């Protein structure tokens, strides 16, 4: 019988343009498989339940049909989409021996596209949410005139549209390459893992990938710094304690969600540059989906007084108080 290690080495033999790939998966001992499987399974169920509940609550309660909550609703949808493509497949592969962790090339491309859409859309959605907070705090008298339903739709389409175009080009440059390897050195498919299968020059891919990352992070971080600087100036010059309290509450929540997502993403990107830390990279890539997806509805949803009031009406019990 060929050992798992030998099999993985055999998969490294050159096989040009194969439509069948193998996922390397997580490097965990047999004794740890089921405990880790149950942790990931519980996390997935937790993410699906919380995000679907928050989205459903916003959908059915007209009191929550406000720009802030409608824009926020993009995050639960993105978390559900991103985790549904990655986690179930990961759970199945954990129970299979390495030689049976097979995925088709096209399925791998779809998974990579969805994975990068998840990360990119998280940035763009939080950027439009920052714009909403800026208008609400810095131009409160014009808020209703600016943040109309039409503007909410435009911002939402822009957030998803920009992400779709950027990721579409990223994956388009990768699928044009001829593949000569079949082993995906990752628990799931992403763009770096895909273009590493090629023996063609990936110079253009590296240049665009770097440009993609710089543009996304510069635009994301730059908009946050600009927005929060202006909000801070307004709060410092205002003597309205109610305004300052509301600004601190909503902005601190948004900032925590943003920093959680940013830190998770930067760890994954950094570890891709260090092959010797492949096990840490694999784990961080999974946690990049799970941690923000678990925390977003808790941090941004449960702390909201309006959402808690709506939840109280739905369950017909004692009032649910915000956590913060």
Protein backbone atom coordinates (compact mmCIF):
# COMPACT_ATOMS: atom_id res chain seq x y z
CA UNK A 1 0.00 0.00 0.00
CA UNK A 2 1.34 3.45 -0.93
CA UNK A 3 1.68 5.74 2.06
CA UNK A 4 -0.09 9.11 2.10
CA UNK A 5 3.25 10.91 1.85
CA UNK A 6 4.30 8.87 -1.19
CA UNK A 7 0.94 9.48 -2.80
CA UNK A 8 1.29 13.25 -2.39
CA UNK A 9 4.72 13.06 -3.99
CA UNK A 10 3.33 11.07 -6.90
CA UNK A 11 0.71 13.75 -7.40
CA UNK A 12 3.56 16.23 -7.92
CA UNK A 13 4.54 14.50 -11.17
CA UNK A 14 3.83 16.67 -14.19
CA UNK A 15 0.32 16.11 -15.52
CA UNK A 16 -0.57 18.71 -18.11
CA UNK A 17 -4.02 20.36 -18.02
CA UNK A 18 -5.57 17.71 -15.80
CA UNK A 19 -9.21 18.33 -14.86
CA UNK A 20 -8.81 16.37 -11.62
CA UNK A 21 -6.95 17.93 -8.69
CA UNK A 22 -6.11 16.79 -5.18
CA UNK A 23 -6.45 18.91 -2.04
CA UNK A 24 -3.65 18.51 0.47
CA UNK A 25 -5.93 19.39 3.38
CA UNK A 26 -4.97 19.94 7.00
CA UNK A 27 -2.00 18.16 8.52
CA UNK A 28 -3.62 16.76 11.66
CA UNK A 29 -3.21 13.49 13.56
CA UNK A 30 -5.85 10.77 13.45
CA UNK A 31 -6.70 11.36 17.12
CA UNK A 32 -7.41 15.05 16.43
CA UNK A 33 -9.60 14.58 13.36
CA UNK A 34 -12.97 14.20 15.08
CA UNK A 35 -12.50 16.89 17.76
CA UNK A 36 -11.41 19.42 15.10
CA UNK A 37 -14.23 18.22 12.82
CA UNK A 38 -16.79 18.89 15.55
CA UNK A 39 -15.32 22.33 16.29
CA UNK A 40 -15.55 23.35 12.62
CA UNK A 41 -19.02 21.81 12.29
CA UNK A 42 -20.31 23.68 15.33
CA UNK A 43 -18.72 26.89 14.05
CA UNK A 44 -20.40 26.45 10.66
CA UNK A 45 -23.84 25.84 12.19
CA UNK A 46 -23.30 28.82 14.51
CA UNK A 47 -22.37 31.08 11.58
CA UNK A 48 -25.32 29.96 9.46
CA UNK A 49 -27.84 30.34 12.28
CA UNK A 50 -26.69 33.74 13.54
CA UNK A 51 -26.23 35.38 10.15
CA UNK A 52 -29.44 33.99 8.70
CA UNK A 53 -31.35 35.08 11.82
CA UNK A 54 -29.99 38.65 11.67
CA UNK A 55 -30.71 38.93 7.93
CA UNK A 56 -34.24 37.52 8.40
CA UNK A 57 -34.92 39.90 11.28
CA UNK A 58 -33.88 42.93 9.21
CA UNK A 59 -35.97 41.68 6.28
CA UNK A 60 -39.25 41.22 8.20
CA UNK A 61 -39.07 44.23 10.55
CA UNK A 62 -39.90 47.52 8.80
CA UNK A 63 -38.38 49.46 11.70
CA UNK A 64 -35.00 48.06 10.63
CA UNK A 65 -35.42 49.13 7.01
CA UNK A 66 -32.94 51.93 7.59
CA UNK A 67 -29.78 52.54 5.51
CA UNK A 68 -27.45 51.41 8.31
CA UNK A 69 -29.14 48.02 8.73
CA UNK A 70 -29.81 47.48 5.02
CA UNK A 71 -26.12 48.03 4.26
CA UNK A 72 -25.11 45.85 7.19
CA UNK A 73 -27.31 43.06 5.77
CA UNK A 74 -24.67 42.59 3.06
CA UNK A 75 -22.26 41.23 5.68
CA UNK A 76 -24.44 38.29 6.86
CA UNK A 77 -25.16 37.39 3.24
CA UNK A 78 -21.43 37.50 2.42
CA UNK A 79 -20.55 35.42 5.48
CA UNK A 80 -23.15 32.79 4.57
CA UNK A 81 -21.96 32.63 0.96
CA UNK A 82 -18.25 32.49 1.79
CA UNK A 83 -18.56 29.82 4.48
CA UNK A 84 -21.09 27.67 2.58
CA UNK A 85 -18.67 27.19 -0.31
CA UNK A 86 -15.64 26.40 1.83
CA UNK A 87 -16.57 24.78 5.17
CA UNK A 88 -18.84 21.85 4.07
CA UNK A 89 -16.22 20.71 1.57
CA UNK A 90 -13.52 21.05 4.24
CA UNK A 91 -15.55 18.91 6.67
CA UNK A 92 -16.01 16.16 4.09
CA UNK A 93 -12.32 16.14 3.18
CA UNK A 94 -11.30 15.86 6.84
CA UNK A 95 -12.99 12.46 7.03
CA UNK A 96 -11.31 11.20 3.84
CA UNK A 97 -7.77 9.88 3.40
CA UNK A 98 -5.49 12.23 1.41
CA UNK A 99 -5.68 10.05 -1.69
CA UNK A 100 -9.46 10.58 -1.90
CA UNK A 101 -9.55 14.37 -1.47
CA UNK A 102 -10.28 14.93 -5.15
CA UNK A 103 -11.80 18.06 -6.68
CA UNK A 104 -12.46 18.96 -10.32
CA UNK A 105 -10.60 21.90 -11.83
CA UNK A 106 -13.82 23.81 -12.51
CA UNK A 107 -15.11 23.26 -8.98
CA UNK A 108 -11.76 24.48 -7.70
CA UNK A 109 -12.02 27.66 -9.80
CA UNK A 110 -15.55 28.34 -8.48
CA UNK A 111 -14.36 27.81 -4.90
CA UNK A 112 -11.39 30.14 -5.45
CA UNK A 113 -13.63 32.80 -7.00
CA UNK A 114 -16.10 32.63 -4.11
CA UNK A 115 -13.29 32.71 -1.54
CA UNK A 116 -11.78 35.88 -3.00
CA UNK A 117 -15.22 37.44 -3.46
CA UNK A 118 -15.84 36.81 0.24
CA UNK A 119 -12.67 38.62 1.31
CA UNK A 120 -12.94 41.49 -1.19
CA UNK A 121 -16.65 42.11 -0.58
CA UNK A 122 -16.04 42.28 3.17
CA UNK A 123 -13.75 45.25 2.51
CA UNK A 124 -16.06 47.03 0.06
CA UNK A 125 -19.18 46.52 2.22
CA UNK A 126 -17.44 47.92 5.30
CA UNK A 127 -16.31 50.89 3.19
CA UNK A 128 -19.89 51.78 2.21
CA UNK A 129 -20.98 51.28 5.81
CA UNK A 130 -18.29 53.77 6.86
CA UNK A 131 -19.71 56.25 4.34
CA UNK A 132 -23.15 55.82 5.90
CA UNK A 133 -21.76 56.56 9.37
CA UNK A 134 -19.90 59.59 8.03
CA UNK A 135 -23.08 61.10 6.56
CA UNK A 136 -25.11 60.28 9.69
CA UNK A 137 -22.66 61.99 12.05
CA UNK A 138 -21.10 64.74 9.94
CA UNK A 139 -24.23 65.71 7.96
CA UNK A 140 -27.17 64.62 10.15
CA UNK A 141 -29.57 67.23 8.70
CA UNK A 142 -28.97 65.98 5.16
CA UNK A 143 -28.84 62.28 6.06
CA UNK A 144 -32.37 61.46 4.91
CA UNK A 145 -31.86 63.35 1.65
CA UNK A 146 -28.53 61.64 0.89
CA UNK A 147 -29.11 58.10 2.14
CA UNK A 148 -32.23 57.34 0.13
CA UNK A 149 -33.28 53.84 -0.95
CA UNK A 150 -31.78 54.60 -4.35
CA UNK A 151 -28.43 55.49 -2.75
CA UNK A 152 -28.48 52.32 -0.65
CA UNK A 153 -29.01 50.26 -3.82
CA UNK A 154 -26.22 52.12 -5.62
CA UNK A 155 -23.80 51.57 -2.73
CA UNK A 156 -24.70 47.88 -2.48
CA UNK A 157 -24.32 47.28 -6.22
CA UNK A 158 -21.03 49.19 -6.19
CA UNK A 159 -19.64 47.11 -3.32
CA UNK A 160 -20.46 43.79 -4.99
CA UNK A 161 -19.70 45.05 -8.51
CA UNK A 162 -16.21 46.31 -7.70
CA UNK A 163 -15.40 43.05 -5.92
CA UNK A 164 -16.75 41.00 -8.85
CA UNK A 165 -14.63 42.86 -11.41
CA UNK A 166 -11.41 42.75 -9.35
CA UNK A 167 -11.76 39.06 -8.53
CA UNK A 168 -12.94 38.21 -12.04
CA UNK A 169 -9.74 39.63 -13.54
CA UNK A 170 -7.68 37.88 -10.84
CA UNK A 171 -9.10 34.45 -11.67
CA UNK A 172 -9.27 35.18 -15.40
CA UNK A 173 -5.51 35.63 -15.48
CA UNK A 174 -5.10 32.30 -13.68
CA UNK A 175 -7.39 30.07 -15.76
CA UNK A 176 -5.56 31.12 -18.95
CA UNK A 177 -2.46 29.26 -17.66
CA UNK A 178 -1.66 25.66 -18.56
CA UNK A 179 -1.44 23.42 -15.51
CA UNK A 180 1.28 20.83 -15.05
CA UNK A 181 0.66 19.86 -11.43
CA UNK A 182 -2.38 18.50 -9.63
CA UNK A 183 -1.74 18.99 -5.90
CA UNK A 184 -3.43 21.97 -4.21
CA UNK A 185 -1.30 22.74 -1.16
CA UNK A 186 -4.20 24.17 0.77
CA UNK A 187 -7.36 22.95 2.56
CA UNK A 188 -9.42 24.69 -0.14
CA UNK A 189 -8.84 26.35 -3.49
CA UNK A 190 -7.69 29.94 -3.81
CA UNK A 191 -5.91 31.92 -6.52
CA UNK A 192 -2.30 31.43 -5.31
CA UNK A 193 -2.85 27.68 -5.00
CA UNK A 194 -4.28 27.55 -8.53
CA UNK A 195 -1.57 29.46 -10.37
CA UNK A 196 1.11 27.51 -8.51
CA UNK A 197 -0.12 24.48 -10.48
CA UNK A 198 1.22 26.05 -13.68
CA UNK A 199 4.64 25.70 -15.25
CA UNK A 200 4.02 28.83 -17.37
CA UNK A 201 5.28 32.25 -16.38
CA UNK A 202 3.12 33.72 -13.63
CA UNK A 203 4.77 37.15 -13.71
CA UNK A 204 1.54 38.88 -14.81
CA UNK A 205 -0.40 37.05 -12.10
CA UNK A 206 2.04 38.18 -9.42
CA UNK A 207 1.98 41.79 -10.66
CA UNK A 208 -1.81 41.94 -10.80
CA UNK A 209 -2.14 40.09 -7.49
CA UNK A 210 0.14 42.63 -5.81
CA UNK A 211 -1.67 45.53 -7.49
CA UNK A 212 -5.03 44.04 -6.47
CA UNK A 213 -3.92 43.76 -2.84
CA UNK A 214 -2.40 47.25 -2.72
CA UNK A 215 -5.44 48.90 -4.34
CA UNK A 216 -7.90 47.06 -2.09
CA UNK A 217 -6.02 47.68 1.15
CA UNK A 218 -5.10 51.26 0.29
CA UNK A 219 -8.68 52.11 -0.65
CA UNK A 220 -10.07 50.27 2.37
CA UNK A 221 -7.66 51.59 5.01
CA UNK A 222 -7.56 55.06 3.41
CA UNK A 223 -11.35 55.42 3.44
CA UNK A 224 -11.50 54.27 7.07
CA UNK A 225 -8.79 56.70 8.19
CA UNK A 226 -10.38 59.59 6.28
CA UNK A 227 -13.89 58.80 7.50
CA UNK A 228 -12.98 58.34 11.15
CA UNK A 229 -10.72 61.40 11.16
CA UNK A 230 -13.62 63.58 10.02
CA UNK A 231 -15.98 61.90 12.49
CA UNK A 232 -13.47 62.43 15.32
CA UNK A 233 -13.13 66.12 14.43
CA UNK A 234 -16.93 66.55 14.51
CA UNK A 235 -17.21 64.77 17.87
CA UNK A 236 -14.35 66.75 19.42
CA UNK A 237 -15.80 70.09 18.33
CA UNK A 238 -19.38 69.17 19.23
CA UNK A 239 -20.84 69.71 22.69
CA UNK A 240 -23.77 67.42 21.95
CA UNK A 241 -23.24 64.51 24.34
CA UNK A 242 -26.04 62.44 22.76
CA UNK A 243 -24.43 62.77 19.33
CA UNK A 244 -21.01 61.84 20.67
CA UNK A 245 -22.38 58.85 22.55
CA UNK A 246 -24.21 57.57 19.46
CA UNK A 247 -21.17 58.15 17.28
CA UNK A 248 -18.90 56.26 19.67
CA UNK A 249 -21.31 53.35 19.92
CA UNK A 250 -21.92 52.82 16.20
CA UNK A 251 -18.40 53.67 15.03
CA UNK A 252 -16.58 51.56 17.60
CA UNK A 253 -18.71 48.56 16.58
CA UNK A 254 -17.96 49.13 12.91
CA UNK A 255 -14.25 49.61 13.62
CA UNK A 256 -13.98 46.38 15.64
CA UNK A 257 -15.61 44.41 12.81
CA UNK A 258 -13.27 46.04 10.28
CA UNK A 259 -10.10 45.44 12.29
CA UNK A 260 -11.05 41.79 12.89
CA UNK A 261 -11.50 41.22 9.16
CA UNK A 262 -8.37 43.22 8.24
CA UNK A 263 -6.11 41.41 10.71
CA UNK A 264 -7.39 37.97 9.65
CA UNK A 265 -6.82 38.75 5.98
CA UNK A 266 -3.35 40.23 6.46
CA UNK A 267 -2.19 37.15 8.39
CA UNK A 268 -3.26 34.86 5.51
CA UNK A 269 -1.58 37.07 2.88
CA UNK A 270 1.64 37.32 4.91
CA UNK A 271 1.89 33.57 5.56
CA UNK A 272 1.56 32.84 1.82
CA UNK A 273 5.07 34.36 1.51
CA UNK A 274 6.54 31.86 3.99
CA UNK A 275 6.22 28.23 2.77
CA UNK A 276 7.85 26.91 5.96
CA UNK A 277 4.75 27.98 7.90
CA UNK A 278 2.29 26.15 5.64
CA UNK A 279 0.36 24.56 8.53
CA UNK A 280 -0.19 27.97 10.17
CA UNK A 281 -1.22 29.41 6.79
CA UNK A 282 -3.80 26.65 6.27
CA UNK A 283 -5.31 27.19 9.71
CA UNK A 284 -5.34 30.98 9.36
CA UNK A 285 -7.01 30.67 5.93
CA UNK A 286 -9.85 28.69 7.50
CA UNK A 287 -10.14 31.04 10.48
CA UNK A 288 -10.32 33.99 8.04
CA UNK A 289 -13.76 32.66 7.09
CA UNK A 290 -14.90 31.42 10.49
CA UNK A 291 -13.86 34.20 12.89
CA UNK A 292 -15.40 37.23 11.09
CA UNK A 293 -18.46 35.18 10.18
CA UNK A 294 -18.99 34.28 13.84
CA UNK A 295 -18.22 37.71 15.32
CA UNK A 296 -19.96 40.03 12.83
CA UNK A 297 -23.56 39.25 13.89
CA UNK A 298 -22.55 39.31 17.56
CA UNK A 299 -20.56 42.54 17.47
CA UNK A 300 -22.66 44.49 15.00
CA UNK A 301 -26.08 42.93 15.46
CA UNK A 302 -26.66 41.97 19.07
CA UNK A 303 -25.29 45.25 20.48
CA UNK A 304 -27.86 47.28 18.52
CA UNK A 305 -30.78 48.49 20.61
CA UNK A 306 -33.09 48.47 17.56
CA UNK A 307 -32.24 44.87 16.67
CA UNK A 308 -32.70 43.79 20.28
CA UNK A 309 -36.14 45.45 20.38
CA UNK A 310 -37.09 43.69 17.17
CA UNK A 311 -35.87 40.39 18.58
CA UNK A 312 -37.95 40.93 21.71
CA UNK A 313 -41.08 41.42 19.62
CA UNK A 314 -40.31 38.31 17.59
CA UNK A 315 -39.84 35.96 20.55
CA UNK A 316 -42.55 37.71 22.63
CA UNK A 317 -40.50 37.56 25.79
CA UNK A 318 -38.83 40.02 28.10
CA UNK A 319 -36.98 42.88 26.39
CA UNK A 320 -33.56 41.85 25.07
CA UNK A 321 -31.01 44.40 26.21
CA UNK A 322 -28.02 45.35 24.02
CA UNK A 323 -24.72 43.92 25.22
CA UNK A 324 -22.90 47.26 25.06
